Amino acid sequence: MSTRDRLHDKLARAFPGSELLDVVDESAAHAGHKASGEGGHFRVIIVSAAFEGLSRVERQRRVYEALGSEIGTSVHALSMTCLTPGEYRH
């Protein structure tokens, strides 16, 4: 299973019923980057009611918790967009 697929599975379990869950591997765009061999670069977009009432920092914290040991090993850099369904529609 690819790192991208593992990340997607972990996030799908942590945020069931998400309206949108997308994990994009952007590692190829960072080829030659100093730390490119030490994990990939990923972008995550999640639209979930689980984010209702949470600050941006708390939403990101929940994503980091869901990914656990992937951070710093399989994942070198992570960009996140974490929205509620209402925010996504506006």
N, C-alpha and C. Protein backbone atom coordinates (compact mmCIF):
# COMPACT_ATOMS: atom_id res chain seq x y z
N MET A 1 0.85 -1.18 0.00
CA MET A 1 0.00 0.00 0.00
C MET A 1 0.90 1.24 0.00
N SER A 2 0.56 2.19 -0.82
CA SER A 2 1.36 3.41 -0.92
C SER A 2 1.16 4.29 0.33
N THR A 3 2.09 5.19 0.55
CA THR A 3 1.97 6.12 1.67
C THR A 3 0.70 6.94 1.52
N ARG A 4 0.41 7.39 0.32
CA ARG A 4 -0.80 8.18 0.08
C ARG A 4 -2.04 7.40 0.50
N ASP A 5 -2.09 6.12 0.12
CA ASP A 5 -3.25 5.29 0.47
C ASP A 5 -3.34 5.06 1.99
N ARG A 6 -2.20 4.86 2.65
CA ARG A 6 -2.20 4.69 4.10
C ARG A 6 -2.73 5.95 4.79
N LEU A 7 -2.27 7.11 4.33
CA LEU A 7 -2.74 8.37 4.90
C LEU A 7 -4.24 8.52 4.71
N HIS A 8 -4.71 8.23 3.51
CA HIS A 8 -6.14 8.34 3.21
C HIS A 8 -6.95 7.41 4.12
N ASP A 9 -6.49 6.17 4.28
CA ASP A 9 -7.21 5.22 5.13
C ASP A 9 -7.28 5.69 6.58
N LYS A 10 -6.16 6.19 7.10
CA LYS A 10 -6.14 6.68 8.49
C LYS A 10 -7.08 7.86 8.67
N LEU A 11 -7.09 8.76 7.71
CA LEU A 11 -7.97 9.93 7.81
C LEU A 11 -9.44 9.55 7.64
N ALA A 12 -9.71 8.59 6.77
CA ALA A 12 -11.09 8.14 6.59
C ALA A 12 -11.63 7.50 7.87
N ARG A 13 -10.78 6.78 8.59
CA ARG A 13 -11.20 6.19 9.87
C ARG A 13 -11.38 7.27 10.94
N ALA A 14 -10.54 8.28 10.93
CA ALA A 14 -10.61 9.34 11.95
C ALA A 14 -11.75 10.32 11.70
N PHE A 15 -12.11 10.50 10.43
CA PHE A 15 -13.16 11.46 10.07
C PHE A 15 -14.22 10.77 9.20
N PRO A 16 -14.95 9.80 9.78
CA PRO A 16 -15.95 9.08 8.98
C PRO A 16 -17.05 10.02 8.51
N GLY A 17 -17.56 9.76 7.33
CA GLY A 17 -18.64 10.57 6.79
C GLY A 17 -18.20 11.92 6.25
N SER A 18 -16.90 12.10 6.05
CA SER A 18 -16.41 13.37 5.49
C SER A 18 -17.03 13.60 4.12
N GLU A 19 -17.42 14.84 3.86
CA GLU A 19 -17.97 15.18 2.55
C GLU A 19 -16.90 15.15 1.48
N LEU A 20 -15.67 15.47 1.87
CA LEU A 20 -14.54 15.45 0.94
C LEU A 20 -13.31 15.05 1.72
N LEU A 21 -12.56 14.11 1.17
CA LEU A 21 -11.29 13.69 1.76
C LEU A 21 -10.35 13.40 0.60
N ASP A 22 -9.35 14.25 0.45
CA ASP A 22 -8.41 14.11 -0.65
C ASP A 22 -6.99 14.20 -0.10
N VAL A 23 -6.16 13.26 -0.52
CA VAL A 23 -4.75 13.26 -0.15
C VAL A 23 -3.96 13.28 -1.45
N VAL A 24 -3.15 14.30 -1.62
CA VAL A 24 -2.38 14.47 -2.85
C VAL A 24 -0.90 14.35 -2.52
N ASP A 25 -0.21 13.47 -3.23
CA ASP A 25 1.23 13.31 -3.07
C ASP A 25 1.92 14.35 -3.95
N GLU A 26 2.56 15.31 -3.33
CA GLU A 26 3.26 16.38 -4.06
C GLU A 26 4.77 16.18 -4.04
N SER A 27 5.22 14.98 -3.71
CA SER A 27 6.65 14.71 -3.56
C SER A 27 7.44 14.98 -4.83
N ALA A 28 6.88 14.65 -5.98
CA ALA A 28 7.60 14.84 -7.24
C ALA A 28 7.97 16.31 -7.46
N ALA A 29 7.13 17.20 -6.97
CA ALA A 29 7.40 18.64 -7.13
C ALA A 29 8.56 19.10 -6.25
N HIS A 30 8.97 18.24 -5.32
CA HIS A 30 10.04 18.60 -4.40
C HIS A 30 11.30 17.76 -4.62
N ALA A 31 11.39 17.10 -5.75
CA ALA A 31 12.58 16.30 -6.06
C ALA A 31 13.80 17.20 -6.01
N GLY A 32 14.85 16.72 -5.37
CA GLY A 32 16.05 17.52 -5.25
C GLY A 32 16.08 18.38 -4.00
N HIS A 33 14.94 18.51 -3.33
CA HIS A 33 14.86 19.24 -2.07
C HIS A 33 15.77 18.55 -1.06
N LYS A 34 16.40 19.30 -0.22
CA LYS A 34 17.39 18.77 0.73
C LYS A 34 16.91 17.52 1.46
N ALA A 35 15.68 17.51 1.94
CA ALA A 35 15.17 16.38 2.72
C ALA A 35 14.24 15.48 1.92
N SER A 36 14.31 15.53 0.59
CA SER A 36 13.34 14.80 -0.22
C SER A 36 13.40 13.30 -0.02
N GLY A 37 14.52 12.76 0.44
CA GLY A 37 14.61 11.33 0.67
C GLY A 37 14.11 10.90 2.03
N GLU A 38 13.66 11.84 2.84
CA GLU A 38 13.27 11.54 4.21
C GLU A 38 11.76 11.64 4.41
N GLY A 39 10.99 11.15 3.48
CA GLY A 39 9.54 11.21 3.58
C GLY A 39 8.97 12.12 2.51
N GLY A 40 7.68 11.93 2.26
CA GLY A 40 7.05 12.66 1.18
C GLY A 40 6.41 13.96 1.59
N HIS A 41 6.02 14.70 0.58
CA HIS A 41 5.30 15.96 0.73
C HIS A 41 3.85 15.70 0.31
N PHE A 42 2.91 16.00 1.20
CA PHE A 42 1.51 15.71 0.93
C PHE A 42 0.63 16.91 1.22
N ARG A 43 -0.49 16.97 0.49
CA ARG A 43 -1.51 17.99 0.72
C ARG A 43 -2.81 17.25 1.04
N VAL A 44 -3.47 17.66 2.11
CA VAL A 44 -4.70 17.02 2.57
C VAL A 44 -5.82 18.05 2.57
N ILE A 45 -6.96 17.66 2.01
CA ILE A 45 -8.16 18.49 2.05
C ILE A 45 -9.26 17.64 2.68
N ILE A 46 -9.82 18.14 3.78
CA ILE A 46 -10.88 17.41 4.47
C ILE A 46 -12.04 18.36 4.74
N VAL A 47 -13.24 17.93 4.37
CA VAL A 47 -14.46 18.65 4.70
C VAL A 47 -15.27 17.72 5.59
N SER A 48 -15.40 18.11 6.85
CA SER A 48 -16.04 17.22 7.82
C SER A 48 -16.79 18.01 8.88
N ALA A 49 -17.94 17.48 9.27
CA ALA A 49 -18.70 18.08 10.37
C ALA A 49 -17.94 17.94 11.69
N ALA A 50 -16.97 17.06 11.75
CA ALA A 50 -16.15 16.88 12.96
C ALA A 50 -15.38 18.15 13.31
N PHE A 51 -15.23 19.06 12.36
CA PHE A 51 -14.49 20.30 12.60
C PHE A 51 -15.36 21.43 13.15
N GLU A 52 -16.67 21.20 13.24
CA GLU A 52 -17.58 22.23 13.76
C GLU A 52 -17.13 22.68 15.14
N GLY A 53 -17.02 23.99 15.34
CA GLY A 53 -16.69 24.54 16.64
C GLY A 53 -15.22 24.47 17.02
N LEU A 54 -14.37 23.96 16.13
CA LEU A 54 -12.94 23.85 16.43
C LEU A 54 -12.15 24.95 15.73
N SER A 55 -11.12 25.44 16.39
CA SER A 55 -10.23 26.42 15.76
C SER A 55 -9.41 25.73 14.68
N ARG A 56 -8.77 26.51 13.85
CA ARG A 56 -7.92 25.96 12.80
C ARG A 56 -6.79 25.12 13.40
N VAL A 57 -6.22 25.59 14.49
CA VAL A 57 -5.14 24.85 15.15
C VAL A 57 -5.64 23.50 15.67
N GLU A 58 -6.82 23.48 16.29
CA GLU A 58 -7.36 22.23 16.82
C GLU A 58 -7.70 21.26 15.68
N ARG A 59 -8.18 21.76 14.57
CA ARG A 59 -8.47 20.90 13.42
C ARG A 59 -7.18 20.24 12.93
N GLN A 60 -6.13 21.04 12.81
CA GLN A 60 -4.85 20.49 12.36
C GLN A 60 -4.29 19.50 13.37
N ARG A 61 -4.46 19.79 14.64
CA ARG A 61 -4.01 18.87 15.69
C ARG A 61 -4.70 17.51 15.53
N ARG A 62 -5.99 17.53 15.23
CA ARG A 62 -6.73 16.27 15.05
C ARG A 62 -6.21 15.49 13.85
N VAL A 63 -5.85 16.19 12.80
CA VAL A 63 -5.28 15.51 11.62
C VAL A 63 -3.94 14.88 11.98
N TYR A 64 -3.09 15.64 12.65
CA TYR A 64 -1.79 15.10 13.08
C TYR A 64 -1.98 13.88 13.98
N GLU A 65 -2.93 13.93 14.89
CA GLU A 65 -3.20 12.79 15.77
C GLU A 65 -3.64 11.57 14.96
N ALA A 66 -4.47 11.79 13.95
CA ALA A 66 -4.95 10.68 13.13
C ALA A 66 -3.82 10.02 12.34
N LEU A 67 -2.86 10.82 11.92
CA LEU A 67 -1.76 10.28 11.11
C LEU A 67 -0.66 9.67 11.96
N GLY A 68 -0.59 10.04 13.22
CA GLY A 68 0.33 9.41 14.16
C GLY A 68 1.77 9.33 13.68
N SER A 69 2.31 8.13 13.69
CA SER A 69 3.74 7.92 13.40
C SER A 69 4.12 8.19 11.94
N GLU A 70 3.14 8.42 11.07
CA GLU A 70 3.47 8.74 9.68
C GLU A 70 4.22 10.09 9.61
N ILE A 71 3.88 10.99 10.54
CA ILE A 71 4.51 12.30 10.57
C ILE A 71 5.97 12.15 11.01
N GLY A 72 6.86 12.66 10.20
CA GLY A 72 8.28 12.58 10.51
C GLY A 72 8.96 11.33 9.99
N THR A 73 8.18 10.38 9.52
CA THR A 73 8.76 9.17 8.92
C THR A 73 8.37 9.13 7.44
N SER A 74 7.16 8.71 7.15
CA SER A 74 6.68 8.66 5.77
C SER A 74 6.32 10.04 5.23
N VAL A 75 6.02 10.96 6.15
CA VAL A 75 5.61 12.31 5.76
C VAL A 75 6.63 13.32 6.27
N HIS A 76 7.24 14.02 5.33
CA HIS A 76 8.20 15.08 5.67
C HIS A 76 7.50 16.43 5.80
N ALA A 77 6.54 16.68 4.91
CA ALA A 77 5.82 17.96 4.90
C ALA A 77 4.34 17.69 4.62
N LEU A 78 3.48 18.43 5.33
CA LEU A 78 2.05 18.24 5.19
C LEU A 78 1.36 19.60 5.14
N SER A 79 0.60 19.81 4.08
CA SER A 79 -0.22 21.01 3.93
C SER A 79 -1.67 20.58 4.13
N MET A 80 -2.42 21.35 4.92
CA MET A 80 -3.79 20.95 5.25
C MET A 80 -4.80 22.05 4.98
N THR A 81 -5.95 21.63 4.47
CA THR A 81 -7.13 22.48 4.42
C THR A 81 -8.22 21.68 5.12
N CYS A 82 -8.68 22.17 6.25
CA CYS A 82 -9.67 21.48 7.09
C CYS A 82 -10.88 22.38 7.25
N LEU A 83 -11.99 22.01 6.62
CA LEU A 83 -13.18 22.86 6.60
C LEU A 83 -14.41 22.13 7.11
N THR A 84 -15.36 22.89 7.64
CA THR A 84 -16.68 22.35 7.93
C THR A 84 -17.47 22.36 6.62
N PRO A 85 -18.55 21.60 6.55
CA PRO A 85 -19.37 21.63 5.33
C PRO A 85 -19.85 23.04 4.97
N GLY A 86 -20.25 23.83 5.97
CA GLY A 86 -20.70 25.20 5.71
C GLY A 86 -19.61 26.07 5.14
N GLU A 87 -18.41 25.95 5.66
CA GLU A 87 -17.27 26.73 5.15
C GLU A 87 -16.94 26.33 3.72
N TYR A 88 -17.06 25.07 3.43
CA TYR A 88 -16.75 24.56 2.09
C TYR A 88 -17.73 25.11 1.05
N ARG A 89 -18.98 25.22 1.43
CA ARG A 89 -20.00 25.69 0.49
C ARG A 89 -19.92 27.20 0.24
N HIS A 90 -19.27 27.94 1.12
CA HIS A 90 -19.19 29.40 0.97
C HIS A 90 -17.88 29.76 0.44
